[in-house]
Amino acid sequence: MSQFADFRDDIHQCIEVLKNGGIILYPTDTIWGIGCDATNQAAVEKIYKLKKRTDSKTMLVLLENENLLRSYIKEIPDIAWDLIEVSNRPITIIYPGAKNLAKNLIAGDGSIGIRITREAFSSELIRNFRKPIVSTSANISGELSPGSFNEISATIVDSVDYVVKYRQDELSRSAVSEIIKIGIGGEIEILRKVK
């Protein structure tokens, strides 16, 4: 089977799993991620349980187009548009005033971390699913994040409902994203800087 055929089959299989409240293991613009429908509270809970993570430690959401931000953030600070436009690497922005997402994804202060993915698979998946997808590192909470598919533990691989085939054979280590928190007045706090 060609890589393109794998790609199409993976997209189809992922969408079926996501629609049914399942969780997937998939490549993103940074590291491999565990994902689910970001609007489905029960699906989000499954990821917290798999990662042995408390609800108070929130996960981020991927979108494939910044124009979709308005559907999930009450009021987008102007500086966010500038950061997205000028960033030449993956950037996760924590926005105030999350809406239309699973309640257990939203932090206690009402914020949510969102990254616009430019990577081929995750972009196409979100475009076809037509909803945001959770992305959290493919590891048990507290363990090291795997840099490539072959570093993901069997526990994680065996516990998800679908494992994407596309990009599994890539051995180069993926980078994590920068994380920037933006306040309602446009204040910026850099939570993780990538060299």
N, C-alpha and C. Protein backbone atom coordinates (compact mmCIF):
# COMPACT_ATOMS: atom_id res chain seq x y z
N MET A 1 0.86 -1.20 0.00
CA MET A 1 0.00 0.00 0.00
C MET A 1 0.89 1.24 0.00
N SER A 2 0.54 2.21 -0.81
CA SER A 2 1.37 3.42 -0.89
C SER A 2 1.16 4.28 0.36
N GLN A 3 2.11 5.19 0.56
CA GLN A 3 2.00 6.08 1.72
C GLN A 3 0.75 6.95 1.60
N PHE A 4 0.40 7.35 0.37
CA PHE A 4 -0.81 8.17 0.17
C PHE A 4 -2.06 7.37 0.54
N ALA A 5 -2.08 6.08 0.15
CA ALA A 5 -3.24 5.23 0.48
C ALA A 5 -3.34 5.06 1.99
N ASP A 6 -2.18 4.85 2.65
CA ASP A 6 -2.16 4.78 4.12
C ASP A 6 -2.74 6.05 4.72
N PHE A 7 -2.30 7.18 4.19
CA PHE A 7 -2.73 8.50 4.66
C PHE A 7 -4.26 8.60 4.61
N ARG A 8 -4.84 8.28 3.45
CA ARG A 8 -6.30 8.39 3.27
C ARG A 8 -7.02 7.41 4.21
N ASP A 9 -6.51 6.18 4.31
CA ASP A 9 -7.13 5.17 5.16
C ASP A 9 -7.06 5.62 6.63
N ASP A 10 -5.90 6.14 7.03
CA ASP A 10 -5.74 6.63 8.40
C ASP A 10 -6.74 7.74 8.72
N ILE A 11 -6.91 8.69 7.79
CA ILE A 11 -7.86 9.79 8.00
C ILE A 11 -9.27 9.22 8.23
N HIS A 12 -9.66 8.30 7.34
CA HIS A 12 -11.00 7.70 7.44
C HIS A 12 -11.19 6.97 8.77
N GLN A 13 -10.20 6.14 9.14
CA GLN A 13 -10.30 5.37 10.39
C GLN A 13 -10.35 6.30 11.61
N CYS A 14 -9.51 7.33 11.60
CA CYS A 14 -9.48 8.28 12.72
C CYS A 14 -10.82 8.97 12.90
N ILE A 15 -11.41 9.41 11.80
CA ILE A 15 -12.68 10.13 11.89
C ILE A 15 -13.76 9.23 12.49
N GLU A 16 -13.79 7.95 12.09
CA GLU A 16 -14.78 7.02 12.66
C GLU A 16 -14.58 6.88 14.17
N VAL A 17 -13.33 6.74 14.59
CA VAL A 17 -13.02 6.60 16.02
C VAL A 17 -13.40 7.88 16.78
N LEU A 18 -13.02 9.03 16.23
CA LEU A 18 -13.31 10.31 16.90
C LEU A 18 -14.81 10.55 17.02
N LYS A 19 -15.55 10.24 15.97
CA LYS A 19 -17.02 10.42 16.00
C LYS A 19 -17.66 9.57 17.08
N ASN A 20 -17.05 8.40 17.37
CA ASN A 20 -17.60 7.47 18.35
C ASN A 20 -17.02 7.67 19.75
N GLY A 21 -16.34 8.80 19.96
CA GLY A 21 -15.83 9.12 21.29
C GLY A 21 -14.56 8.38 21.67
N GLY A 22 -13.86 7.84 20.66
CA GLY A 22 -12.63 7.11 20.93
C GLY A 22 -11.40 8.01 20.94
N ILE A 23 -10.24 7.39 21.21
CA ILE A 23 -8.98 8.16 21.22
C ILE A 23 -8.00 7.57 20.22
N ILE A 24 -7.17 8.44 19.66
CA ILE A 24 -6.24 8.05 18.60
C ILE A 24 -4.81 8.41 19.00
N LEU A 25 -3.86 7.76 18.35
CA LEU A 25 -2.44 8.08 18.47
C LEU A 25 -2.02 8.55 17.09
N TYR A 26 -1.57 9.80 16.97
CA TYR A 26 -1.37 10.37 15.64
C TYR A 26 -0.21 11.37 15.61
N PRO A 27 0.39 11.56 14.40
CA PRO A 27 1.49 12.52 14.27
C PRO A 27 0.94 13.94 14.19
N THR A 28 1.67 14.88 14.78
CA THR A 28 1.26 16.28 14.72
C THR A 28 2.42 17.11 14.18
N ASP A 29 2.31 18.41 14.27
CA ASP A 29 3.37 19.30 13.82
C ASP A 29 4.55 19.33 14.80
N THR A 30 4.38 18.69 15.96
CA THR A 30 5.48 18.59 16.93
C THR A 30 5.72 17.10 17.17
N ILE A 31 5.39 16.60 18.35
CA ILE A 31 5.59 15.19 18.66
C ILE A 31 4.31 14.40 18.39
N TRP A 32 4.40 13.06 18.45
CA TRP A 32 3.20 12.24 18.32
C TRP A 32 2.26 12.56 19.48
N GLY A 33 0.98 12.59 19.19
CA GLY A 33 0.02 12.97 20.20
C GLY A 33 -1.09 11.95 20.39
N ILE A 34 -1.68 11.99 21.58
CA ILE A 34 -2.91 11.25 21.85
C ILE A 34 -4.03 12.26 21.63
N GLY A 35 -5.05 11.88 20.88
CA GLY A 35 -6.10 12.85 20.57
C GLY A 35 -7.49 12.29 20.68
N CYS A 36 -8.44 13.22 20.75
CA CYS A 36 -9.86 12.88 20.74
C CYS A 36 -10.62 14.13 20.31
N ASP A 37 -11.92 13.99 20.17
CA ASP A 37 -12.81 15.12 19.87
C ASP A 37 -12.75 16.09 21.05
N ALA A 38 -12.29 17.31 20.79
CA ALA A 38 -12.11 18.30 21.86
C ALA A 38 -13.43 18.86 22.38
N THR A 39 -14.55 18.44 21.81
CA THR A 39 -15.85 18.89 22.30
C THR A 39 -16.56 17.79 23.10
N ASN A 40 -15.92 16.61 23.21
CA ASN A 40 -16.54 15.46 23.84
C ASN A 40 -15.91 15.21 25.21
N GLN A 41 -16.65 15.55 26.26
CA GLN A 41 -16.12 15.48 27.62
C GLN A 41 -15.74 14.05 28.02
N ALA A 42 -16.54 13.07 27.63
CA ALA A 42 -16.25 11.67 27.98
C ALA A 42 -14.97 11.19 27.30
N ALA A 43 -14.76 11.60 26.05
CA ALA A 43 -13.54 11.22 25.32
C ALA A 43 -12.31 11.85 25.97
N VAL A 44 -12.43 13.11 26.38
CA VAL A 44 -11.33 13.80 27.07
C VAL A 44 -10.99 13.06 28.36
N GLU A 45 -12.00 12.62 29.08
CA GLU A 45 -11.80 11.89 30.34
C GLU A 45 -11.00 10.61 30.11
N LYS A 46 -11.25 9.94 28.97
CA LYS A 46 -10.50 8.71 28.64
C LYS A 46 -9.00 9.00 28.53
N ILE A 47 -8.65 10.16 27.96
CA ILE A 47 -7.23 10.51 27.82
C ILE A 47 -6.63 10.79 29.19
N TYR A 48 -7.34 11.52 30.04
CA TYR A 48 -6.83 11.79 31.40
C TYR A 48 -6.55 10.46 32.11
N LYS A 49 -7.46 9.49 31.97
CA LYS A 49 -7.29 8.20 32.63
C LYS A 49 -6.10 7.45 32.06
N LEU A 50 -5.96 7.44 30.74
CA LEU A 50 -4.84 6.75 30.09
C LEU A 50 -3.50 7.34 30.53
N LYS A 51 -3.43 8.66 30.60
CA LYS A 51 -2.19 9.33 30.97
C LYS A 51 -1.97 9.39 32.49
N LYS A 52 -3.00 8.93 33.25
CA LYS A 52 -2.95 9.00 34.72
C LYS A 52 -2.68 10.45 35.15
N ARG A 53 -3.47 11.32 34.58
CA ARG A 53 -3.27 12.76 34.77
C ARG A 53 -4.50 13.37 35.42
N THR A 54 -4.31 14.36 36.28
CA THR A 54 -5.45 15.00 36.92
C THR A 54 -6.10 16.01 35.98
N ASP A 55 -7.39 16.21 36.15
CA ASP A 55 -8.13 17.15 35.31
C ASP A 55 -7.60 18.57 35.41
N SER A 56 -6.92 18.87 36.53
CA SER A 56 -6.46 20.25 36.71
C SER A 56 -5.28 20.57 35.79
N LYS A 57 -4.66 19.53 35.21
CA LYS A 57 -3.55 19.74 34.28
C LYS A 57 -4.13 19.63 32.88
N THR A 58 -4.46 20.75 32.30
CA THR A 58 -5.20 20.73 31.04
C THR A 58 -4.33 20.34 29.84
N MET A 59 -5.02 19.97 28.77
CA MET A 59 -4.37 19.57 27.52
C MET A 59 -4.67 20.61 26.46
N LEU A 60 -3.86 20.62 25.39
CA LEU A 60 -4.10 21.61 24.34
C LEU A 60 -4.96 21.05 23.22
N VAL A 61 -5.37 21.96 22.35
CA VAL A 61 -6.27 21.64 21.25
C VAL A 61 -5.59 22.07 19.94
N LEU A 62 -5.76 21.26 18.90
CA LEU A 62 -5.24 21.62 17.58
C LEU A 62 -6.38 22.08 16.67
N LEU A 63 -6.10 23.13 15.92
CA LEU A 63 -6.98 23.60 14.84
C LEU A 63 -6.13 23.65 13.58
N GLU A 64 -6.76 23.59 12.42
CA GLU A 64 -5.97 23.65 11.19
C GLU A 64 -6.02 25.02 10.52
N ASN A 65 -6.75 25.95 11.12
CA ASN A 65 -6.88 27.26 10.48
C ASN A 65 -7.18 28.29 11.57
N GLU A 66 -6.40 29.36 11.58
CA GLU A 66 -6.60 30.38 12.64
C GLU A 66 -7.96 31.06 12.57
N ASN A 67 -8.62 31.00 11.40
CA ASN A 67 -9.94 31.61 11.29
C ASN A 67 -10.98 30.89 12.15
N LEU A 68 -10.65 29.67 12.57
CA LEU A 68 -11.58 28.90 13.42
C LEU A 68 -11.49 29.30 14.89
N LEU A 69 -10.47 30.08 15.25
CA LEU A 69 -10.29 30.48 16.65
C LEU A 69 -11.53 31.14 17.23
N ARG A 70 -12.21 31.94 16.44
CA ARG A 70 -13.39 32.68 16.93
C ARG A 70 -14.50 31.75 17.42
N SER A 71 -14.49 30.51 16.92
CA SER A 71 -15.52 29.55 17.36
C SER A 71 -15.25 29.01 18.75
N TYR A 72 -13.99 29.17 19.24
CA TYR A 72 -13.62 28.54 20.50
C TYR A 72 -13.05 29.50 21.54
N ILE A 73 -12.86 30.76 21.15
CA ILE A 73 -12.35 31.77 22.07
C ILE A 73 -13.32 32.96 22.04
N LYS A 74 -13.73 33.43 23.22
CA LYS A 74 -14.72 34.52 23.28
C LYS A 74 -14.21 35.80 22.64
N GLU A 75 -13.00 36.19 23.01
CA GLU A 75 -12.44 37.43 22.46
C GLU A 75 -10.94 37.23 22.28
N ILE A 76 -10.48 37.30 21.03
CA ILE A 76 -9.08 37.02 20.74
C ILE A 76 -8.25 38.30 20.82
N PRO A 77 -7.29 38.36 21.73
CA PRO A 77 -6.43 39.55 21.82
C PRO A 77 -5.68 39.76 20.49
N ASP A 78 -5.57 41.00 20.05
CA ASP A 78 -4.94 41.31 18.76
C ASP A 78 -3.54 40.73 18.63
N ILE A 79 -2.79 40.70 19.73
CA ILE A 79 -1.41 40.22 19.69
C ILE A 79 -1.34 38.77 19.23
N ALA A 80 -2.41 38.00 19.45
CA ALA A 80 -2.41 36.58 19.06
C ALA A 80 -2.26 36.43 17.55
N TRP A 81 -2.96 37.29 16.80
CA TRP A 81 -2.88 37.22 15.33
C TRP A 81 -1.44 37.49 14.87
N ASP A 82 -0.79 38.44 15.52
CA ASP A 82 0.59 38.78 15.15
C ASP A 82 1.53 37.61 15.45
N LEU A 83 1.36 36.99 16.62
CA LEU A 83 2.21 35.86 17.00
C LEU A 83 2.07 34.70 16.02
N ILE A 84 0.84 34.41 15.63
CA ILE A 84 0.60 33.31 14.69
C ILE A 84 1.24 33.64 13.34
N GLU A 85 1.10 34.87 12.91
CA GLU A 85 1.61 35.27 11.60
C GLU A 85 3.13 35.23 11.52
N VAL A 86 3.82 35.71 12.56
CA VAL A 86 5.28 35.82 12.49
C VAL A 86 6.02 34.56 12.94
N SER A 87 5.33 33.65 13.61
CA SER A 87 6.02 32.47 14.12
C SER A 87 6.39 31.51 12.99
N ASN A 88 7.66 31.12 12.95
CA ASN A 88 8.10 30.19 11.91
C ASN A 88 8.27 28.77 12.47
N ARG A 89 7.77 28.54 13.68
CA ARG A 89 7.80 27.20 14.29
C ARG A 89 6.48 27.02 15.05
N PRO A 90 6.16 25.78 15.41
CA PRO A 90 4.90 25.56 16.14
C PRO A 90 4.83 26.39 17.42
N ILE A 91 3.69 27.02 17.62
CA ILE A 91 3.49 27.86 18.81
C ILE A 91 2.12 27.57 19.40
N THR A 92 2.11 27.25 20.68
CA THR A 92 0.87 27.02 21.40
C THR A 92 0.56 28.30 22.17
N ILE A 93 -0.63 28.82 21.94
CA ILE A 93 -1.04 30.04 22.64
C ILE A 93 -2.17 29.69 23.60
N ILE A 94 -2.00 30.12 24.85
CA ILE A 94 -3.05 29.92 25.85
C ILE A 94 -3.91 31.19 25.87
N TYR A 95 -5.16 31.01 25.47
CA TYR A 95 -6.10 32.13 25.34
C TYR A 95 -7.04 32.19 26.53
N PRO A 96 -7.45 33.39 26.91
CA PRO A 96 -8.50 33.52 27.93
C PRO A 96 -9.86 33.26 27.28
N GLY A 97 -10.84 32.91 28.07
CA GLY A 97 -12.22 32.86 27.57
C GLY A 97 -12.53 31.77 26.57
N ALA A 98 -12.22 30.52 26.92
CA ALA A 98 -12.53 29.39 26.04
C ALA A 98 -14.05 29.16 25.98
N LYS A 99 -14.53 28.68 24.85
CA LYS A 99 -15.95 28.36 24.71
C LYS A 99 -16.11 27.19 23.72
N ASN A 100 -17.25 26.53 23.76
CA ASN A 100 -17.62 25.46 22.83
C ASN A 100 -16.65 24.28 22.82
N LEU A 101 -15.96 24.06 23.95
CA LEU A 101 -15.06 22.92 24.09
C LEU A 101 -15.49 22.12 25.31
N ALA A 102 -15.02 20.88 25.40
CA ALA A 102 -15.33 20.05 26.58
C ALA A 102 -14.91 20.79 27.84
N LYS A 103 -15.79 20.82 28.82
CA LYS A 103 -15.51 21.59 30.05
C LYS A 103 -14.26 21.11 30.78
N ASN A 104 -13.97 19.81 30.70
CA ASN A 104 -12.80 19.28 31.41
C ASN A 104 -11.48 19.53 30.66
N LEU A 105 -11.56 20.23 29.55
CA LEU A 105 -10.35 20.68 28.83
C LEU A 105 -9.96 22.09 29.25
N ILE A 106 -10.96 22.83 29.72
CA ILE A 106 -10.76 24.26 30.02
C ILE A 106 -10.19 24.43 31.42
N ALA A 107 -9.13 25.23 31.53
CA ALA A 107 -8.48 25.46 32.82
C ALA A 107 -9.42 26.19 33.78
N GLY A 108 -9.08 26.16 35.06
CA GLY A 108 -9.90 26.80 36.08
C GLY A 108 -10.10 28.29 35.85
N ASP A 109 -9.12 28.94 35.19
CA ASP A 109 -9.25 30.38 34.92
C ASP A 109 -9.99 30.66 33.60
N GLY A 110 -10.52 29.59 32.98
CA GLY A 110 -11.29 29.76 31.72
C GLY A 110 -10.43 29.76 30.47
N SER A 111 -9.14 29.48 30.61
CA SER A 111 -8.25 29.52 29.44
C SER A 111 -8.11 28.16 28.77
N ILE A 112 -7.59 28.18 27.54
CA ILE A 112 -7.33 26.96 26.78
C ILE A 112 -6.12 27.19 25.89
N GLY A 113 -5.27 26.16 25.77
CA GLY A 113 -4.12 26.22 24.87
C GLY A 113 -4.52 25.70 23.50
N ILE A 114 -4.25 26.50 22.46
CA ILE A 114 -4.58 26.11 21.09
C ILE A 114 -3.36 26.31 20.21
N ARG A 115 -3.12 25.34 19.32
CA ARG A 115 -2.06 25.48 18.34
C ARG A 115 -2.65 25.27 16.95
N ILE A 116 -2.23 26.11 16.01
CA ILE A 116 -2.64 25.94 14.62
C ILE A 116 -1.61 25.03 13.97
N THR A 117 -2.02 23.84 13.55
CA THR A 117 -1.07 22.90 12.96
C THR A 117 -0.96 23.12 11.45
N ARG A 118 0.28 23.07 10.96
CA ARG A 118 0.54 23.17 9.52
C ARG A 118 1.00 21.82 8.96
N GLU A 119 1.07 20.82 9.83
CA GLU A 119 1.54 19.49 9.42
C GLU A 119 0.44 18.81 8.60
N ALA A 120 0.84 18.07 7.56
CA ALA A 120 -0.10 17.54 6.57
C ALA A 120 -1.19 16.65 7.18
N PHE A 121 -0.81 15.65 7.98
CA PHE A 121 -1.80 14.70 8.47
C PHE A 121 -2.79 15.33 9.44
N SER A 122 -2.26 15.99 10.47
CA SER A 122 -3.16 16.57 11.48
C SER A 122 -4.06 17.64 10.88
N SER A 123 -3.53 18.42 9.95
CA SER A 123 -4.35 19.46 9.29
C SER A 123 -5.51 18.83 8.52
N GLU A 124 -5.17 17.81 7.74
CA GLU A 124 -6.20 17.14 6.93
C GLU A 124 -7.24 16.45 7.81
N LEU A 125 -6.78 15.86 8.89
CA LEU A 125 -7.70 15.18 9.82
C LEU A 125 -8.70 16.18 10.41
N ILE A 126 -8.20 17.30 10.90
CA ILE A 126 -9.09 18.29 11.52
C ILE A 126 -10.02 18.90 10.47
N ARG A 127 -9.50 19.14 9.28
CA ARG A 127 -10.34 19.70 8.20
C ARG A 127 -11.50 18.77 7.89
N ASN A 128 -11.23 17.48 7.84
CA ASN A 128 -12.27 16.51 7.51
C ASN A 128 -13.20 16.21 8.68
N PHE A 129 -12.67 16.23 9.89
CA PHE A 129 -13.48 15.97 11.08
C PHE A 129 -14.38 17.16 11.40
N ARG A 130 -13.90 18.35 11.05
CA ARG A 130 -14.64 19.61 11.24
C ARG A 130 -14.85 19.99 12.70
N LYS A 131 -13.95 19.52 13.54
CA LYS A 131 -13.96 19.90 14.96
C LYS A 131 -12.51 19.94 15.42
N PRO A 132 -12.23 20.68 16.50
CA PRO A 132 -10.87 20.67 17.04
C PRO A 132 -10.57 19.31 17.66
N ILE A 133 -9.27 18.97 17.69
CA ILE A 133 -8.83 17.70 18.25
C ILE A 133 -7.84 17.96 19.38
N VAL A 134 -8.01 17.22 20.46
CA VAL A 134 -7.06 17.29 21.58
C VAL A 134 -5.70 16.78 21.10
N SER A 135 -4.64 17.37 21.60
CA SER A 135 -3.30 16.85 21.36
C SER A 135 -2.53 16.93 22.67
N THR A 136 -2.11 15.77 23.15
CA THR A 136 -1.29 15.70 24.35
C THR A 136 -0.20 14.67 24.10
N SER A 137 0.95 14.85 24.68
CA SER A 137 2.08 13.96 24.43
C SER A 137 1.73 12.50 24.70
N ALA A 138 2.30 11.61 23.90
CA ALA A 138 1.97 10.18 23.96
C ALA A 138 2.78 9.48 25.05
N ASN A 139 2.51 9.84 26.29
CA ASN A 139 3.21 9.25 27.42
C ASN A 139 2.31 9.28 28.66
N ILE A 140 2.68 8.47 29.65
CA ILE A 140 2.02 8.54 30.95
C ILE A 140 2.53 9.81 31.62
N SER A 141 1.66 10.52 32.31
CA SER A 141 2.03 11.78 32.95
C SER A 141 3.25 11.59 33.85
N GLY A 142 4.23 12.48 33.69
CA GLY A 142 5.45 12.42 34.49
C GLY A 142 6.60 11.72 33.79
N GLU A 143 6.29 10.91 32.76
CA GLU A 143 7.35 10.24 32.00
C GLU A 143 7.82 11.16 30.88
N LEU A 144 8.98 10.86 30.29
CA LEU A 144 9.52 11.67 29.20
C LEU A 144 8.62 11.58 27.97
N SER A 145 8.47 12.71 27.26
CA SER A 145 7.69 12.71 26.02
C SER A 145 8.50 12.03 24.92
N PRO A 146 7.90 11.09 24.18
CA PRO A 146 8.63 10.43 23.11
C PRO A 146 8.88 11.37 21.93
N GLY A 147 10.10 11.33 21.39
CA GLY A 147 10.45 12.20 20.26
C GLY A 147 10.07 11.62 18.92
N SER A 148 9.86 10.30 18.86
CA SER A 148 9.45 9.64 17.62
C SER A 148 8.54 8.47 17.97
N PHE A 149 7.89 7.91 16.96
CA PHE A 149 6.91 6.85 17.22
C PHE A 149 7.52 5.66 17.95
N ASN A 150 8.75 5.27 17.56
CA ASN A 150 9.34 4.07 18.16
C ASN A 150 9.71 4.24 19.64
N GLU A 151 9.57 5.46 20.18
CA GLU A 151 9.83 5.69 21.60
C GLU A 151 8.55 5.66 22.45
N ILE A 152 7.41 5.50 21.78
CA ILE A 152 6.13 5.48 22.51
C ILE A 152 5.97 4.12 23.20
N SER A 153 5.58 4.12 24.46
CA SER A 153 5.47 2.87 25.22
C SER A 153 4.32 2.00 24.70
N ALA A 154 4.50 0.68 24.86
CA ALA A 154 3.47 -0.27 24.44
C ALA A 154 2.17 -0.02 25.19
N THR A 155 2.26 0.46 26.42
CA THR A 155 1.06 0.76 27.22
C THR A 155 0.17 1.76 26.49
N ILE A 156 0.79 2.81 25.95
CA ILE A 156 0.03 3.83 25.22
C ILE A 156 -0.51 3.26 23.91
N VAL A 157 0.37 2.62 23.13
CA VAL A 157 -0.04 2.07 21.82
C VAL A 157 -1.21 1.10 21.98
N ASP A 158 -1.15 0.25 23.00
CA ASP A 158 -2.20 -0.77 23.20
C ASP A 158 -3.49 -0.21 23.80
N SER A 159 -3.44 1.01 24.33
CA SER A 159 -4.60 1.56 25.05
C SER A 159 -5.47 2.50 24.22
N VAL A 160 -4.99 2.93 23.05
CA VAL A 160 -5.80 3.83 22.22
C VAL A 160 -6.69 3.01 21.29
N ASP A 161 -7.67 3.65 20.68
CA ASP A 161 -8.59 2.95 19.79
C ASP A 161 -8.09 2.84 18.36
N TYR A 162 -7.16 3.72 17.98
CA TYR A 162 -6.57 3.63 16.63
C TYR A 162 -5.19 4.25 16.63
N VAL A 163 -4.24 3.56 15.98
CA VAL A 163 -2.87 4.06 15.83
C VAL A 163 -2.63 4.37 14.36
N VAL A 164 -2.31 5.62 14.07
CA VAL A 164 -2.05 6.05 12.69
C VAL A 164 -0.77 5.39 12.18
N LYS A 165 -0.82 4.89 10.93
CA LYS A 165 0.36 4.25 10.31
C LYS A 165 1.30 5.30 9.71
N TYR A 166 0.72 6.35 9.17
CA TYR A 166 1.49 7.39 8.47
C TYR A 166 2.55 7.99 9.39
N ARG A 167 3.78 8.09 8.91
CA ARG A 167 4.94 8.70 9.58
C ARG A 167 5.50 7.87 10.74
N GLN A 168 5.05 6.62 10.91
CA GLN A 168 5.58 5.79 12.00
C GLN A 168 7.07 5.51 11.83
N ASP A 169 7.54 5.44 10.59
CA ASP A 169 8.93 5.05 10.34
C ASP A 169 9.92 6.20 10.43
N GLU A 170 9.45 7.41 10.70
CA GLU A 170 10.37 8.54 10.83
C GLU A 170 11.13 8.44 12.15
N LEU A 171 12.44 8.55 12.07
CA LEU A 171 13.28 8.39 13.26
C LEU A 171 13.79 9.71 13.83
N SER A 172 13.68 10.78 13.05
CA SER A 172 14.18 12.07 13.56
C SER A 172 13.31 12.52 14.73
N ARG A 173 13.96 13.08 15.73
CA ARG A 173 13.23 13.54 16.92
C ARG A 173 12.47 14.82 16.61
N SER A 174 11.23 14.85 16.98
CA SER A 174 10.40 16.04 16.76
C SER A 174 10.59 17.03 17.91
N ALA A 175 10.38 18.29 17.60
CA ALA A 175 10.51 19.35 18.61
C ALA A 175 9.17 19.63 19.26
N VAL A 176 9.22 20.16 20.47
CA VAL A 176 8.00 20.60 21.14
C VAL A 176 7.72 22.05 20.71
N SER A 177 6.54 22.55 21.03
CA SER A 177 6.20 23.92 20.64
C SER A 177 6.55 24.91 21.75
N GLU A 178 6.66 26.15 21.35
CA GLU A 178 6.74 27.21 22.34
C GLU A 178 5.35 27.37 22.95
N ILE A 179 5.29 27.81 24.19
CA ILE A 179 3.98 28.04 24.83
C ILE A 179 3.96 29.47 25.35
N ILE A 180 2.96 30.20 24.90
CA ILE A 180 2.81 31.60 25.31
C ILE A 180 1.39 31.81 25.82
N LYS A 181 1.28 32.42 26.99
CA LYS A 181 -0.04 32.72 27.56
C LYS A 181 -0.35 34.19 27.32
N ILE A 182 -1.56 34.44 26.83
CA ILE A 182 -1.98 35.82 26.55
C ILE A 182 -3.14 36.18 27.47
N GLY A 183 -3.01 37.32 28.13
CA GLY A 183 -4.09 37.81 28.99
C GLY A 183 -5.15 38.53 28.18
N ILE A 184 -6.27 38.80 28.80
CA ILE A 184 -7.39 39.46 28.11
C ILE A 184 -7.01 40.84 27.59
N GLY A 185 -6.04 41.49 28.27
CA GLY A 185 -5.59 42.80 27.82
C GLY A 185 -4.39 42.73 26.88
N GLY A 186 -4.03 41.51 26.45
CA GLY A 186 -2.90 41.35 25.54
C GLY A 186 -1.56 41.15 26.23
N GLU A 187 -1.56 41.00 27.58
CA GLU A 187 -0.31 40.75 28.29
C GLU A 187 0.23 39.38 27.85
N ILE A 188 1.56 39.29 27.75
CA ILE A 188 2.19 38.05 27.29
C ILE A 188 3.06 37.46 28.39
N GLU A 189 2.93 36.13 28.56
CA GLU A 189 3.79 35.40 29.49
C GLU A 189 4.34 34.20 28.73
N ILE A 190 5.66 34.09 28.62
CA ILE A 190 6.26 32.96 27.92
C ILE A 190 6.42 31.82 28.91
N LEU A 191 5.70 30.72 28.67
CA LEU A 191 5.73 29.58 29.58
C LEU A 191 6.77 28.54 29.14
N ARG A 192 7.01 28.43 27.84
CA ARG A 192 8.08 27.54 27.37
C ARG A 192 8.70 28.15 26.12
N LYS A 193 9.98 28.38 26.18
CA LYS A 193 10.74 28.94 25.06
C LYS A 193 11.54 27.81 24.45
N VAL A 194 11.51 27.67 23.13
CA VAL A 194 12.27 26.63 22.44
C VAL A 194 13.47 27.28 21.78
N LYS A 195 14.65 26.72 22.02
CA LYS A 195 15.89 27.28 21.45
C LYS A 195 16.04 26.90 19.99
